[in-house]
C-alpha cells in the first residue's frame, strides 16, 4: 500500500481548526505533528486527502 509522506517544516503557520477525533487518533496525529514540525490541521488534511484518494465505496445505490 502507498504511504502518506509528510515533509518536515518548522515554518508552519498557526491555524485554528476544530476537529473531533478519538484520544488514540489525537495521540497519533500529535506524534506526527511533533516529529514533522507540521500543524495537526496540516497532518489531518493530508491524511483525509490520502484516505479519499485510496477509498472505495461499495453498495451505493444509484439515484
N, C-alpha and C. Protein backbone atom coordinates (compact mmCIF):
# COMPACT_ATOMS: atom_id res chain seq x y z
N UNK A 1 0.84 -1.18 0.00
CA UNK A 1 0.00 0.00 0.00
C UNK A 1 0.88 1.24 0.00
N UNK A 2 0.41 2.29 -0.60
CA UNK A 2 1.13 3.55 -0.63
C UNK A 2 1.28 4.11 0.78
N UNK A 3 2.27 4.98 0.95
CA UNK A 3 2.50 5.63 2.23
C UNK A 3 2.12 7.09 2.14
N UNK A 4 1.67 7.64 3.25
CA UNK A 4 1.44 9.07 3.36
C UNK A 4 2.75 9.68 3.82
N UNK A 5 3.37 10.49 2.98
CA UNK A 5 4.66 11.10 3.30
C UNK A 5 4.45 12.56 3.65
N UNK A 6 4.94 12.94 4.83
CA UNK A 6 4.82 14.31 5.31
C UNK A 6 6.22 14.90 5.40
N UNK A 7 6.44 15.98 4.69
CA UNK A 7 7.74 16.63 4.70
C UNK A 7 7.83 17.57 5.90
N UNK A 8 8.88 17.42 6.69
CA UNK A 8 9.06 18.24 7.88
C UNK A 8 9.22 19.71 7.50
N UNK A 9 8.62 20.58 8.30
CA UNK A 9 8.68 22.01 8.05
C UNK A 9 8.48 22.75 9.36
N UNK A 10 9.50 23.45 9.80
CA UNK A 10 9.42 24.19 11.07
C UNK A 10 8.78 25.57 10.89
N UNK A 11 8.42 25.94 9.69
CA UNK A 11 7.87 27.27 9.42
C UNK A 11 6.35 27.23 9.21
N UNK A 12 5.68 26.26 9.78
CA UNK A 12 4.24 26.10 9.61
C UNK A 12 3.48 27.27 10.25
N UNK A 13 2.50 27.80 9.53
CA UNK A 13 1.67 28.87 10.06
C UNK A 13 0.67 28.29 11.07
N UNK A 14 0.30 29.11 12.04
CA UNK A 14 -0.72 28.68 13.01
C UNK A 14 -2.09 28.71 12.35
N UNK A 15 -2.89 27.70 12.66
CA UNK A 15 -4.25 27.65 12.15
C UNK A 15 -5.20 27.41 13.30
N UNK A 16 -6.45 27.67 13.08
CA UNK A 16 -7.46 27.47 14.11
C UNK A 16 -8.57 26.62 13.54
N UNK A 17 -8.45 25.31 13.71
CA UNK A 17 -9.42 24.38 13.19
C UNK A 17 -9.81 23.40 14.29
N UNK A 18 -11.09 23.16 14.44
CA UNK A 18 -11.56 22.21 15.44
C UNK A 18 -12.03 20.94 14.74
N UNK A 19 -11.37 19.84 15.06
CA UNK A 19 -11.75 18.53 14.52
C UNK A 19 -11.79 17.57 15.70
N UNK A 20 -12.92 16.91 15.88
CA UNK A 20 -13.04 15.97 17.00
C UNK A 20 -12.64 14.57 16.55
N UNK A 21 -11.68 14.00 17.25
CA UNK A 21 -11.20 12.66 16.96
C UNK A 21 -11.05 11.90 18.28
N UNK A 22 -10.89 10.61 18.19
CA UNK A 22 -10.68 9.80 19.39
C UNK A 22 -9.35 10.15 20.05
N UNK A 23 -9.21 9.77 21.30
CA UNK A 23 -7.95 10.02 22.02
C UNK A 23 -6.77 9.35 21.32
N UNK A 24 -6.99 8.13 20.83
CA UNK A 24 -5.92 7.41 20.15
C UNK A 24 -5.52 8.13 18.86
N UNK A 25 -6.51 8.55 18.07
CA UNK A 25 -6.22 9.27 16.82
C UNK A 25 -5.50 10.58 17.13
N UNK A 26 -5.91 11.27 18.17
CA UNK A 26 -5.27 12.52 18.56
C UNK A 26 -3.81 12.29 18.92
N UNK A 27 -3.54 11.23 19.67
CA UNK A 27 -2.16 10.92 20.05
C UNK A 27 -1.30 10.63 18.83
N UNK A 28 -1.85 9.90 17.86
CA UNK A 28 -1.10 9.58 16.65
C UNK A 28 -0.80 10.83 15.83
N UNK A 29 -1.81 11.69 15.68
CA UNK A 29 -1.62 12.93 14.93
C UNK A 29 -0.65 13.85 15.67
N UNK A 30 -0.77 13.91 16.99
CA UNK A 30 0.14 14.73 17.79
C UNK A 30 1.58 14.27 17.62
N UNK A 31 1.80 12.95 17.60
CA UNK A 31 3.14 12.41 17.41
C UNK A 31 3.71 12.82 16.04
N UNK A 32 2.89 12.69 15.00
CA UNK A 32 3.35 13.08 13.66
C UNK A 32 3.62 14.58 13.58
N UNK A 33 2.77 15.38 14.23
CA UNK A 33 2.96 16.83 14.22
C UNK A 33 4.27 17.21 14.91
N UNK A 34 4.56 16.58 16.04
CA UNK A 34 5.81 16.88 16.76
C UNK A 34 7.02 16.45 15.96
N UNK A 35 6.95 15.27 15.35
CA UNK A 35 8.09 14.75 14.59
C UNK A 35 8.35 15.53 13.31
N UNK A 36 7.29 16.05 12.70
CA UNK A 36 7.44 16.72 11.40
C UNK A 36 7.51 18.25 11.50
N UNK A 37 7.06 18.81 12.62
CA UNK A 37 7.01 20.26 12.74
C UNK A 37 5.81 20.86 12.03
N UNK A 38 4.91 20.03 11.57
CA UNK A 38 3.69 20.49 10.89
C UNK A 38 2.54 20.59 11.89
N UNK A 39 1.54 21.39 11.56
CA UNK A 39 0.38 21.53 12.43
C UNK A 39 -0.51 20.29 12.34
N UNK A 40 -1.32 20.09 13.37
CA UNK A 40 -2.28 18.98 13.34
C UNK A 40 -3.26 19.16 12.18
N UNK A 41 -3.65 20.39 11.90
CA UNK A 41 -4.57 20.66 10.79
C UNK A 41 -3.95 20.21 9.46
N UNK A 42 -2.67 20.48 9.28
CA UNK A 42 -1.98 20.07 8.06
C UNK A 42 -1.94 18.55 7.97
N UNK A 43 -1.54 17.91 9.07
CA UNK A 43 -1.45 16.45 9.10
C UNK A 43 -2.80 15.82 8.79
N UNK A 44 -3.84 16.26 9.47
CA UNK A 44 -5.18 15.69 9.24
C UNK A 44 -5.67 15.95 7.82
N UNK A 45 -5.38 17.13 7.29
CA UNK A 45 -5.77 17.43 5.92
C UNK A 45 -5.12 16.47 4.94
N UNK A 46 -3.82 16.24 5.11
CA UNK A 46 -3.11 15.30 4.23
C UNK A 46 -3.65 13.88 4.40
N UNK A 47 -3.95 13.49 5.63
CA UNK A 47 -4.50 12.15 5.88
C UNK A 47 -5.86 11.98 5.21
N UNK A 48 -6.69 13.00 5.30
CA UNK A 48 -8.02 12.93 4.69
C UNK A 48 -7.91 12.86 3.18
N UNK A 49 -7.04 13.68 2.59
CA UNK A 49 -6.84 13.64 1.13
C UNK A 49 -6.34 12.27 0.69
N UNK A 50 -5.38 11.72 1.43
CA UNK A 50 -4.83 10.40 1.11
C UNK A 50 -5.91 9.33 1.21
N UNK A 51 -6.65 9.35 2.30
CA UNK A 51 -7.70 8.35 2.50
C UNK A 51 -8.76 8.46 1.41
N UNK A 52 -9.12 9.68 1.05
CA UNK A 52 -10.13 9.87 0.00
C UNK A 52 -9.67 9.28 -1.33
N UNK A 53 -8.41 9.55 -1.68
CA UNK A 53 -7.87 9.06 -2.95
C UNK A 53 -7.72 7.55 -2.97
N UNK A 54 -7.66 6.93 -1.81
CA UNK A 54 -7.48 5.47 -1.72
C UNK A 54 -8.73 4.79 -1.17
N UNK A 55 -9.88 5.43 -1.30
CA UNK A 55 -11.13 4.86 -0.79
C UNK A 55 -12.00 4.34 -1.91
N UNK A 56 -12.80 3.39 -1.55
CA UNK A 56 -13.77 2.82 -2.48
C UNK A 56 -15.07 2.64 -1.73
N UNK A 57 -16.15 3.07 -2.31
CA UNK A 57 -17.46 2.92 -1.69
C UNK A 57 -18.18 1.77 -2.37
N UNK A 58 -18.62 0.81 -1.58
CA UNK A 58 -19.34 -0.33 -2.13
C UNK A 58 -20.79 -0.28 -1.65
N UNK A 59 -21.67 -0.85 -2.43
CA UNK A 59 -23.07 -0.93 -2.06
C UNK A 59 -23.84 0.36 -2.24
N UNK A 60 -23.28 1.31 -2.96
CA UNK A 60 -24.01 2.56 -3.21
C UNK A 60 -25.15 2.28 -4.18
N UNK A 61 -26.29 2.78 -3.84
CA UNK A 61 -27.43 2.65 -4.74
C UNK A 61 -27.43 3.83 -5.70
N UNK A 62 -27.73 3.53 -6.95
CA UNK A 62 -27.82 4.61 -7.94
C UNK A 62 -29.08 5.40 -7.67
N UNK A 63 -28.98 6.71 -7.76
CA UNK A 63 -30.14 7.57 -7.52
C UNK A 63 -30.58 8.27 -8.76
